């Protein structure tokens, strides 16, 4: 088996093994066996963290250790760049991935549940409409409008809340759908919502109030729902991945029928240390 980077020049050779949504900033690595492309993996980085976003092995070449070798060889090469682990986030709907990761040497832990609802269900809810028409003592700002110093302060608050501050520099962050509420006098952050956007849904990667204040959460969610409407996303699904059940409980109570916020499954994280 031969490993190779996947570039513009040879991407056509691996096109059946790569997802159409592969982004330019992602690193793609492929495996060649018997003169043909048989496997491909897609990696992305967030700060000092390296993530495995996708791996696919041709059905005729499975159970031969090709996928595991591809990941381990790439991990070995990345050690020279100061990367000492590969991380994976997946749900219980990704059948078989857990067994493959364990066989490859990953350790797996349960992170929490994920829930989803239609954005239009939030927009039409009476409580949300009241929130959106209300006024709050904090100032709501786009993440993209923060200065370097303000982002550093927010990064510190996220770290203290056991969140990964590297998400602020993640290329996948949807800046138009990510907000922070700040104290109008001190400028300190009160609450934050950080989102990614795919073709089908808005994914809330972080939602929290540093002051543990429900009014702060209401204000920040109001900004998110307004932005979703302005961006023409009303018919899309919004998905919350949360380890804090209180946040989910709060989001559900904003809906006219809390049952519209459905539990879709469990989120797991896996790590391979080199």
C-alpha atoms as a PDB file:
ATOM      1  CA  UNK A   1       0.000   0.000   0.000  1.00  0.00           C
ATOM      2  CA  UNK A   2       1.216   3.477  -0.910  1.00  0.00           C
ATOM      3  CA  UNK A   3       0.077   6.648   0.868  1.00  0.00           C
ATOM      4  CA  UNK A   4      -0.165   9.975  -0.930  1.00  0.00           C
ATOM      5  CA  UNK A   5      -1.444  13.463  -0.358  1.00  0.00           C
ATOM      6  CA  UNK A   6      -4.528  14.343  -2.379  1.00  0.00           C
ATOM      7  CA  UNK A   7      -4.049  17.545  -4.328  1.00  0.00           C
ATOM      8  CA  UNK A   8      -5.802  19.287  -7.178  1.00  0.00           C
ATOM      9  CA  UNK A   9      -3.630  17.338  -9.634  1.00  0.00           C
ATOM     10  CA  UNK A  10      -4.753  13.893  -8.436  1.00  0.00           C
ATOM     11  CA  UNK A  11      -8.120  14.668  -6.798  1.00  0.00           C
ATOM     12  CA  UNK A  12     -10.023  13.217  -9.765  1.00  0.00           C
ATOM     13  CA  UNK A  13      -8.349   9.876  -9.033  1.00  0.00           C
ATOM     14  CA  UNK A  14      -9.898   9.835  -5.531  1.00  0.00           C
ATOM     15  CA  UNK A  15     -13.201  11.626  -6.236  1.00  0.00           C
ATOM     16  CA  UNK A  16     -15.368   8.559  -5.513  1.00  0.00           C
ATOM     17  CA  UNK A  17     -13.800   8.251  -2.060  1.00  0.00           C
ATOM     18  CA  UNK A  18     -14.137  11.891  -0.968  1.00  0.00           C
ATOM     19  CA  UNK A  19     -17.270  13.766   0.168  1.00  0.00           C
ATOM     20  CA  UNK A  20     -18.441  16.527  -2.160  1.00  0.00           C
ATOM     21  CA  UNK A  21     -18.362  18.943   0.784  1.00  0.00           C
ATOM     22  CA  UNK A  22     -14.575  18.695   1.219  1.00  0.00           C
ATOM     23  CA  UNK A  23     -13.166  22.187   1.872  1.00  0.00           C
ATOM     24  CA  UNK A  24      -9.945  23.695   0.565  1.00  0.00           C
ATOM     25  CA  UNK A  25      -8.490  24.129   4.062  1.00  0.00           C
ATOM     26  CA  UNK A  26      -8.921  20.425   4.858  1.00  0.00           C
ATOM     27  CA  UNK A  27      -6.020  18.006   4.364  1.00  0.00           C
ATOM     28  CA  UNK A  28      -6.784  14.919   2.280  1.00  0.00           C
ATOM     29  CA  UNK A  29      -4.692  11.751   2.296  1.00  0.00           C
ATOM     30  CA  UNK A  30      -5.202   8.697   0.102  1.00  0.00           C
ATOM     31  CA  UNK A  31      -4.084   5.083  -0.168  1.00  0.00           C
ATOM     32  CA  UNK A  32      -3.217   3.237  -3.379  1.00  0.00           C
ATOM     33  CA  UNK A  33      -3.270  -0.545  -3.617  1.00  0.00           C
ATOM     34  CA  UNK A  34      -2.978  -2.715  -6.741  1.00  0.00           C
ATOM     35  CA  UNK A  35      -2.579   0.440  -8.810  1.00  0.00           C
ATOM     36  CA  UNK A  36      -5.914   1.963  -7.794  1.00  0.00           C
ATOM     37  CA  UNK A  37      -7.212   4.450  -5.230  1.00  0.00           C
ATOM     38  CA  UNK A  38      -8.729   2.391  -2.409  1.00  0.00           C
ATOM     39  CA  UNK A  39      -9.050   4.753   0.578  1.00  0.00           C
ATOM     40  CA  UNK A  40      -9.164   8.424   1.482  1.00  0.00           C
ATOM     41  CA  UNK A  41      -9.213  10.381   4.727  1.00  0.00           C
ATOM     42  CA  UNK A  42      -9.997  14.044   5.356  1.00  0.00           C
ATOM     43  CA  UNK A  43      -8.472  15.946   8.269  1.00  0.00           C
ATOM     44  CA  UNK A  44      -9.033  19.476   9.561  1.00  0.00           C
ATOM     45  CA  UNK A  45      -7.361  21.491  12.284  1.00  0.00           C
ATOM     46  CA  UNK A  46      -8.622  23.829  14.961  1.00  0.00           C
ATOM     47  CA  UNK A  47      -5.741  25.576  16.667  1.00  0.00           C
ATOM     48  CA  UNK A  48      -3.430  22.821  17.917  1.00  0.00           C
ATOM     49  CA  UNK A  49      -6.080  20.107  17.488  1.00  0.00           C
ATOM     50  CA  UNK A  50      -6.289  17.778  14.493  1.00  0.00           C
ATOM     51  CA  UNK A  51      -9.639  16.196  13.585  1.00  0.00           C
ATOM     52  CA  UNK A  52     -10.488  13.226  11.402  1.00  0.00           C
ATOM     53  CA  UNK A  53     -13.587  14.404   9.514  1.00  0.00           C
ATOM     54  CA  UNK A  54     -14.012  11.584   7.015  1.00  0.00           C
ATOM     55  CA  UNK A  55     -12.554   8.217   6.103  1.00  0.00           C
ATOM     56  CA  UNK A  56     -13.719   5.837   3.408  1.00  0.00           C
ATOM     57  CA  UNK A  57     -12.243   2.543   2.230  1.00  0.00           C
ATOM     58  CA  UNK A  58     -13.350   0.795  -0.961  1.00  0.00           C
ATOM     59  CA  UNK A  59     -15.625  -2.107   0.035  1.00  0.00           C
ATOM     60  CA  UNK A  60     -13.401  -4.622  -1.791  1.00  0.00           C
ATOM     61  CA  UNK A  61     -10.407  -3.581   0.333  1.00  0.00           C
ATOM     62  CA  UNK A  62     -11.949  -3.460   3.785  1.00  0.00           C
ATOM     63  CA  UNK A  63     -10.871  -5.591   6.767  1.00  0.00           C
ATOM     64  CA  UNK A  64      -7.271  -5.423   5.570  1.00  0.00           C
ATOM     65  CA  UNK A  65      -6.106  -2.711   7.955  1.00  0.00           C
ATOM     66  CA  UNK A  66      -5.860  -0.093   5.208  1.00  0.00           C
ATOM     67  CA  UNK A  67      -7.963   2.531   7.003  1.00  0.00           C
ATOM     68  CA  UNK A  68      -6.097   2.089  10.284  1.00  0.00           C
ATOM     69  CA  UNK A  69      -2.721   2.231   8.563  1.00  0.00           C
ATOM     70  CA  UNK A  70      -3.725   5.376   6.674  1.00  0.00           C
ATOM     71  CA  UNK A  71      -4.616   7.175   9.905  1.00  0.00           C
ATOM     72  CA  UNK A  72      -1.590   5.969  11.873  1.00  0.00           C
ATOM     73  CA  UNK A  73       0.912   6.804   9.126  1.00  0.00           C
ATOM     74  CA  UNK A  74      -0.507  10.301   8.750  1.00  0.00           C
ATOM     75  CA  UNK A  75      -0.493  10.731  12.549  1.00  0.00           C
ATOM     76  CA  UNK A  76       3.190   9.743  12.627  1.00  0.00           C
ATOM     77  CA  UNK A  77       4.047  12.356  10.006  1.00  0.00           C
ATOM     78  CA  UNK A  78       2.100  15.049  11.866  1.00  0.00           C
ATOM     79  CA  UNK A  79       4.202  14.565  14.999  1.00  0.00           C
ATOM     80  CA  UNK A  80       6.939  16.619  13.331  1.00  0.00           C
ATOM     81  CA  UNK A  81       4.455  19.503  13.151  1.00  0.00           C
ATOM     82  CA  UNK A  82       3.814  19.291  16.902  1.00  0.00           C
ATOM     83  CA  UNK A  83       0.509  17.398  16.615  1.00  0.00           C
ATOM     84  CA  UNK A  84       0.334  14.587  19.161  1.00  0.00           C
ATOM     85  CA  UNK A  85      -3.262  13.391  18.849  1.00  0.00           C
ATOM     86  CA  UNK A  86      -6.044  12.914  16.327  1.00  0.00           C
ATOM     87  CA  UNK A  87      -9.604  13.606  17.433  1.00  0.00           C
ATOM     88  CA  UNK A  88     -12.961  12.443  16.122  1.00  0.00           C
ATOM     89  CA  UNK A  89     -16.475  13.581  16.966  1.00  0.00           C
ATOM     90  CA  UNK A  90     -19.287  11.251  15.921  1.00  0.00           C
ATOM     91  CA  UNK A  91     -22.827  10.250  16.818  1.00  0.00           C
ATOM     92  CA  UNK A  92     -24.460   6.929  17.498  1.00  0.00           C
ATOM     93  CA  UNK A  93     -25.957   7.096  13.990  1.00  0.00           C
ATOM     94  CA  UNK A  94     -22.495   6.522  12.496  1.00  0.00           C
ATOM     95  CA  UNK A  95     -22.772   2.736  12.559  1.00  0.00           C
ATOM     96  CA  UNK A  96     -19.552   0.776  12.869  1.00  0.00           C
ATOM     97  CA  UNK A  97     -17.271   3.786  13.320  1.00  0.00           C
ATOM     98  CA  UNK A  98     -16.788   3.089  17.038  1.00  0.00           C
ATOM     99  CA  UNK A  99     -15.501  -0.456  16.436  1.00  0.00           C
ATOM    100  CA  UNK A 100     -13.144   0.802  13.715  1.00  0.00           C
ATOM    101  CA  UNK A 101     -11.771   3.572  15.940  1.00  0.00           C
ATOM    102  CA  UNK A 102     -11.182   1.223  18.880  1.00  0.00           C
ATOM    103  CA  UNK A 103      -9.376  -1.221  16.591  1.00  0.00           C
ATOM    104  CA  UNK A 104      -7.205   1.649  15.326  1.00  0.00           C
ATOM    105  CA  UNK A 105      -6.257   2.590  18.889  1.00  0.00           C
ATOM    106  CA  UNK A 106      -8.622   5.452  19.717  1.00  0.00           C
ATOM    107  CA  UNK A 107     -10.068   5.906  23.183  1.00  0.00           C
ATOM    108  CA  UNK A 108     -13.794   6.802  23.165  1.00  0.00           C
ATOM    109  CA  UNK A 109     -15.847   8.776  25.687  1.00  0.00           C
ATOM    110  CA  UNK A 110     -19.465   9.906  25.685  1.00  0.00           C
ATOM    111  CA  UNK A 111     -19.759  13.692  25.380  1.00  0.00           C
ATOM    112  CA  UNK A 112     -23.505  14.220  25.658  1.00  0.00           C
ATOM    113  CA  UNK A 113     -26.734  14.302  23.692  1.00  0.00           C
ATOM    114  CA  UNK A 114     -27.740  16.281  20.643  1.00  0.00           C
ATOM    115  CA  UNK A 115     -31.158  17.773  19.982  1.00  0.00           C
ATOM    116  CA  UNK A 116     -32.736  19.453  16.989  1.00  0.00           C
ATOM    117  CA  UNK A 117     -35.759  21.497  15.954  1.00  0.00           C
ATOM    118  CA  UNK A 118     -36.835  23.607  13.007  1.00  0.00           C
ATOM    119  CA  UNK A 119     -35.674  27.220  13.172  1.00  0.00           C
ATOM    120  CA  UNK A 120     -39.150  28.276  12.050  1.00  0.00           C
ATOM    121  CA  UNK A 121     -40.615  26.580  15.151  1.00  0.00           C
ATOM    122  CA  UNK A 122     -38.469  28.847  17.318  1.00  0.00           C
ATOM    123  CA  UNK A 123     -39.290  31.944  15.257  1.00  0.00           C
ATOM    124  CA  UNK A 124     -43.040  31.326  15.556  1.00  0.00           C
ATOM    125  CA  UNK A 125     -42.940  30.556  19.288  1.00  0.00           C
ATOM    126  CA  UNK A 126     -44.617  33.188  21.480  1.00  0.00           C
ATOM    127  CA  UNK A 127     -41.753  33.305  23.998  1.00  0.00           C
ATOM    128  CA  UNK A 128     -39.173  33.792  21.254  1.00  0.00           C
ATOM    129  CA  UNK A 129     -41.189  36.571  19.629  1.00  0.00           C
ATOM    130  CA  UNK A 130     -41.387  38.304  23.000  1.00  0.00           C
ATOM    131  CA  UNK A 131     -37.626  37.906  23.490  1.00  0.00           C
ATOM    132  CA  UNK A 132     -36.882  39.232  20.007  1.00  0.00           C
ATOM    133  CA  UNK A 133     -38.952  42.354  20.636  1.00  0.00           C
ATOM    134  CA  UNK A 134     -37.434  42.985  24.067  1.00  0.00           C
ATOM    135  CA  UNK A 135     -34.435  45.026  25.144  1.00  0.00           C
ATOM    136  CA  UNK A 136     -31.486  43.928  27.264  1.00  0.00           C
ATOM    137  CA  UNK A 137     -28.765  45.596  29.265  1.00  0.00           C
ATOM    138  CA  UNK A 138     -25.977  43.817  27.408  1.00  0.00           C
ATOM    139  CA  UNK A 139     -24.682  44.633  23.938  1.00  0.00           C
ATOM    140  CA  UNK A 140     -24.941  41.870  21.310  1.00  0.00           C
ATOM    141  CA  UNK A 141     -22.021  41.695  18.901  1.00  0.00           C
ATOM    142  CA  UNK A 142     -20.929  39.472  16.028  1.00  0.00           C
ATOM    143  CA  UNK A 143     -17.843  37.410  16.751  1.00  0.00           C
ATOM    144  CA  UNK A 144     -16.258  38.836  13.597  1.00  0.00           C
ATOM    145  CA  UNK A 145     -16.515  42.373  15.028  1.00  0.00           C
ATOM    146  CA  UNK A 146     -14.452  41.627  18.140  1.00  0.00           C
ATOM    147  CA  UNK A 147     -10.961  43.066  18.406  1.00  0.00           C
ATOM    148  CA  UNK A 148      -7.983  40.777  19.019  1.00  0.00           C
ATOM    149  CA  UNK A 149      -7.959  41.784  22.686  1.00  0.00           C
ATOM    150  CA  UNK A 150     -11.698  41.099  23.029  1.00  0.00           C
ATOM    151  CA  UNK A 151     -11.281  37.669  21.412  1.00  0.00           C
ATOM    152  CA  UNK A 152      -8.505  36.879  23.863  1.00  0.00           C
ATOM    153  CA  UNK A 153     -10.801  37.757  26.760  1.00  0.00           C
ATOM    154  CA  UNK A 154     -13.596  35.630  25.281  1.00  0.00           C
ATOM    155  CA  UNK A 155     -11.114  32.789  24.775  1.00  0.00           C
ATOM    156  CA  UNK A 156     -10.264  32.917  28.480  1.00  0.00           C
ATOM    157  CA  UNK A 157     -13.940  32.801  29.462  1.00  0.00           C
ATOM    158  CA  UNK A 158     -14.536  29.822  27.165  1.00  0.00           C
ATOM    159  CA  UNK A 159     -11.579  27.982  28.696  1.00  0.00           C
ATOM    160  CA  UNK A 160     -12.914  28.612  32.201  1.00  0.00           C
ATOM    161  CA  UNK A 161     -16.252  27.174  31.035  1.00  0.00           C
ATOM    162  CA  UNK A 162     -14.462  23.987  29.855  1.00  0.00           C
ATOM    163  CA  UNK A 163     -15.054  24.876  26.203  1.00  0.00           C
ATOM    164  CA  UNK A 164     -12.426  24.724  23.461  1.00  0.00           C
ATOM    165  CA  UNK A 165     -11.349  28.316  22.685  1.00  0.00           C
ATOM    166  CA  UNK A 166      -9.829  27.201  19.351  1.00  0.00           C
ATOM    167  CA  UNK A 167     -13.339  27.213  17.894  1.00  0.00           C
ATOM    168  CA  UNK A 168     -12.992  30.997  17.595  1.00  0.00           C
ATOM    169  CA  UNK A 169     -10.379  30.508  14.873  1.00  0.00           C
ATOM    170  CA  UNK A 170     -12.004  27.478  13.253  1.00  0.00           C
ATOM    171  CA  UNK A 171     -12.557  28.133   9.508  1.00  0.00           C
ATOM    172  CA  UNK A 172     -15.892  26.310   9.785  1.00  0.00           C
ATOM    173  CA  UNK A 173     -17.262  28.886  12.243  1.00  0.00           C
ATOM    174  CA  UNK A 174     -20.269  30.679  10.754  1.00  0.00           C
ATOM    175  CA  UNK A 175     -19.418  34.222  11.860  1.00  0.00           C
ATOM    176  CA  UNK A 176     -22.785  35.663  10.794  1.00  0.00           C
ATOM    177  CA  UNK A 177     -24.488  33.203  13.151  1.00  0.00           C
ATOM    178  CA  UNK A 178     -22.068  33.516  16.084  1.00  0.00           C
ATOM    179  CA  UNK A 179     -22.551  36.157  18.766  1.00  0.00           C
ATOM    180  CA  UNK A 180     -21.336  37.326  22.140  1.00  0.00           C
ATOM    181  CA  UNK A 181     -23.205  39.548  24.588  1.00  0.00           C
ATOM    182  CA  UNK A 182     -20.955  41.960  26.470  1.00  0.00           C
ATOM    183  CA  UNK A 183     -21.417  44.237  29.449  1.00  0.00           C
ATOM    184  CA  UNK A 184     -21.976  47.758  28.103  1.00  0.00           C
ATOM    185  CA  UNK A 185     -19.692  49.236  30.768  1.00  0.00           C
ATOM    186  CA  UNK A 186     -16.888  46.732  31.419  1.00  0.00           C
ATOM    187  CA  UNK A 187     -16.942  45.066  28.014  1.00  0.00           C
ATOM    188  CA  UNK A 188     -16.710  41.634  29.653  1.00  0.00           C
ATOM    189  CA  UNK A 189     -18.594  38.817  27.899  1.00  0.00           C
ATOM    190  CA  UNK A 190     -21.810  37.591  29.492  1.00  0.00           C
ATOM    191  CA  UNK A 191     -22.953  34.907  27.039  1.00  0.00           C
ATOM    192  CA  UNK A 192     -21.916  33.396  23.745  1.00  0.00           C
ATOM    193  CA  UNK A 193     -23.286  31.280  20.921  1.00  0.00           C
ATOM    194  CA  UNK A 194     -20.948  29.776  18.305  1.00  0.00           C
ATOM    195  CA  UNK A 195     -22.361  28.045  15.238  1.00  0.00           C
ATOM    196  CA  UNK A 196     -21.408  26.205  12.104  1.00  0.00           C
ATOM    197  CA  UNK A 197     -23.618  25.953   9.038  1.00  0.00           C
ATOM    198  CA  UNK A 198     -24.087  23.111   6.573  1.00  0.00           C
ATOM    199  CA  UNK A 199     -26.432  22.775   3.610  1.00  0.00           C
ATOM    200  CA  UNK A 200     -29.143  21.301   5.821  1.00  0.00           C
ATOM    201  CA  UNK A 201     -28.713  22.726   9.279  1.00  0.00           C
ATOM    202  CA  UNK A 202     -27.240  25.208  11.709  1.00  0.00           C
ATOM    203  CA  UNK A 203     -25.112  23.477  14.338  1.00  0.00           C
ATOM    204  CA  UNK A 204     -24.740  25.170  17.712  1.00  0.00           C
ATOM    205  CA  UNK A 205     -21.242  24.177  18.796  1.00  0.00           C
ATOM    206  CA  UNK A 206     -21.307  26.269  21.963  1.00  0.00           C
ATOM    207  CA  UNK A 207     -24.075  28.002  23.876  1.00  0.00           C
ATOM    208  CA  UNK A 208     -23.587  29.299  27.363  1.00  0.00           C
ATOM    209  CA  UNK A 209     -23.942  32.110  29.846  1.00  0.00           C
ATOM    210  CA  UNK A 210     -20.745  32.875  31.724  1.00  0.00           C
ATOM    211  CA  UNK A 211     -22.861  34.637  34.362  1.00  0.00           C
ATOM    212  CA  UNK A 212     -25.332  31.715  34.559  1.00  0.00           C
ATOM    213  CA  UNK A 213     -28.101  34.191  33.717  1.00  0.00           C
ATOM    214  CA  UNK A 214     -31.127  33.030  31.698  1.00  0.00           C
ATOM    215  CA  UNK A 215     -31.719  36.574  30.429  1.00  0.00           C
ATOM    216  CA  UNK A 216     -28.251  36.485  28.866  1.00  0.00           C
ATOM    217  CA  UNK A 217     -29.111  33.201  27.131  1.00  0.00           C
ATOM    218  CA  UNK A 218     -32.414  34.632  25.931  1.00  0.00           C
ATOM    219  CA  UNK A 219     -30.678  37.682  24.465  1.00  0.00           C
ATOM    220  CA  UNK A 220     -27.999  35.675  22.669  1.00  0.00           C
ATOM    221  CA  UNK A 221     -30.524  33.201  21.233  1.00  0.00           C
ATOM    222  CA  UNK A 222     -32.665  36.109  20.091  1.00  0.00           C
ATOM    223  CA  UNK A 223     -29.714  37.407  18.072  1.00  0.00           C
ATOM    224  CA  UNK A 224     -29.158  33.944  16.582  1.00  0.00           C
ATOM    225  CA  UNK A 225     -32.781  33.483  15.532  1.00  0.00           C
ATOM    226  CA  UNK A 226     -32.917  36.971  14.010  1.00  0.00           C
ATOM    227  CA  UNK A 227     -29.749  36.253  12.049  1.00  0.00           C
ATOM    228  CA  UNK A 228     -31.150  32.913  10.895  1.00  0.00           C
ATOM    229  CA  UNK A 229     -34.242  34.653   9.574  1.00  0.00           C
ATOM    230  CA  UNK A 230     -32.172  37.351   7.852  1.00  0.00           C
ATOM    231  CA  UNK A 231     -29.973  34.692   6.249  1.00  0.00           C
ATOM    232  CA  UNK A 232     -33.032  32.880   4.876  1.00  0.00           C
ATOM    233  CA  UNK A 233     -32.545  29.855   7.111  1.00  0.00           C
ATOM    234  CA  UNK A 234     -36.021  29.699   8.662  1.00  0.00           C
ATOM    235  CA  UNK A 235     -36.788  26.331   7.076  1.00  0.00           C
ATOM    236  CA  UNK A 236     -33.488  24.792   8.170  1.00  0.00           C
ATOM    237  CA  UNK A 237     -32.924  22.625  11.236  1.00  0.00           C
ATOM    238  CA  UNK A 238     -30.985  23.923  14.215  1.00  0.00           C
ATOM    239  CA  UNK A 239     -29.028  21.291  16.128  1.00  0.00           C
ATOM    240  CA  UNK A 240     -27.750  21.645  19.678  1.00  0.00           C
ATOM    241  CA  UNK A 241     -24.920  19.430  20.857  1.00  0.00           C
ATOM    242  CA  UNK A 242     -24.851  19.789  24.612  1.00  0.00           C
ATOM    243  CA  UNK A 243     -23.331  18.217  27.662  1.00  0.00           C
ATOM    244  CA  UNK A 244     -25.333  20.552  29.885  1.00  0.00           C
ATOM    245  CA  UNK A 245     -28.927  19.340  30.029  1.00  0.00           C
ATOM    246  CA  UNK A 246     -29.959  22.689  31.571  1.00  0.00           C
ATOM    247  CA  UNK A 247     -29.164  24.480  28.316  1.00  0.00           C
ATOM    248  CA  UNK A 248     -31.315  22.028  26.362  1.00  0.00           C
ATOM    249  CA  UNK A 249     -34.110  22.341  28.894  1.00  0.00           C
ATOM    250  CA  UNK A 250     -34.012  26.125  28.500  1.00  0.00           C
ATOM    251  CA  UNK A 251     -34.064  25.924  24.683  1.00  0.00           C
ATOM    252  CA  UNK A 252     -36.987  23.488  24.770  1.00  0.00           C
ATOM    253  CA  UNK A 253     -39.039  25.774  27.029  1.00  0.00           C
ATOM    254  CA  UNK A 254     -38.745  28.560  24.438  1.00  0.00           C
ATOM    255  CA  UNK A 255     -40.892  26.530  22.046  1.00  0.00           C
ATOM    256  CA  UNK A 256     -44.678  26.506  22.155  1.00  0.00           C
ATOM    257  CA  UNK A 257     -44.396  22.722  22.374  1.00  0.00           C
ATOM    258  CA  UNK A 258     -41.145  21.603  24.077  1.00  0.00           C
ATOM    259  CA  UNK A 259     -41.545  18.234  22.358  1.00  0.00           C
ATOM    260  CA  UNK A 260     -40.600  19.941  19.076  1.00  0.00           C
ATOM    261  CA  UNK A 261     -37.015  19.877  20.354  1.00  0.00           C
ATOM    262  CA  UNK A 262     -36.220  16.240  19.695  1.00  0.00           C
ATOM    263  CA  UNK A 263     -33.370  14.199  21.084  1.00  0.00           C
ATOM    264  CA  UNK A 264     -31.600  12.752  18.045  1.00  0.00           C
ATOM    265  CA  UNK A 265     -28.915  10.707  19.721  1.00  0.00           C
ATOM    266  CA  UNK A 266     -25.617  10.726  21.588  1.00  0.00           C
ATOM    267  CA  UNK A 267     -22.375  12.507  20.750  1.00  0.00           C
ATOM    268  CA  UNK A 268     -19.054  10.736  21.299  1.00  0.00           C
ATOM    269  CA  UNK A 269     -15.475  11.905  21.051  1.00  0.00           C
ATOM    270  CA  UNK A 270     -12.471   9.742  20.293  1.00  0.00           C
ATOM    271  CA  UNK A 271      -8.753  10.448  20.581  1.00  0.00           C
ATOM    272  CA  UNK A 272      -5.703   8.708  19.212  1.00  0.00           C
ATOM    273  CA  UNK A 273      -2.533   9.738  21.059  1.00  0.00           C
ATOM    274  CA  UNK A 274       0.815   9.377  19.336  1.00  0.00           C
END
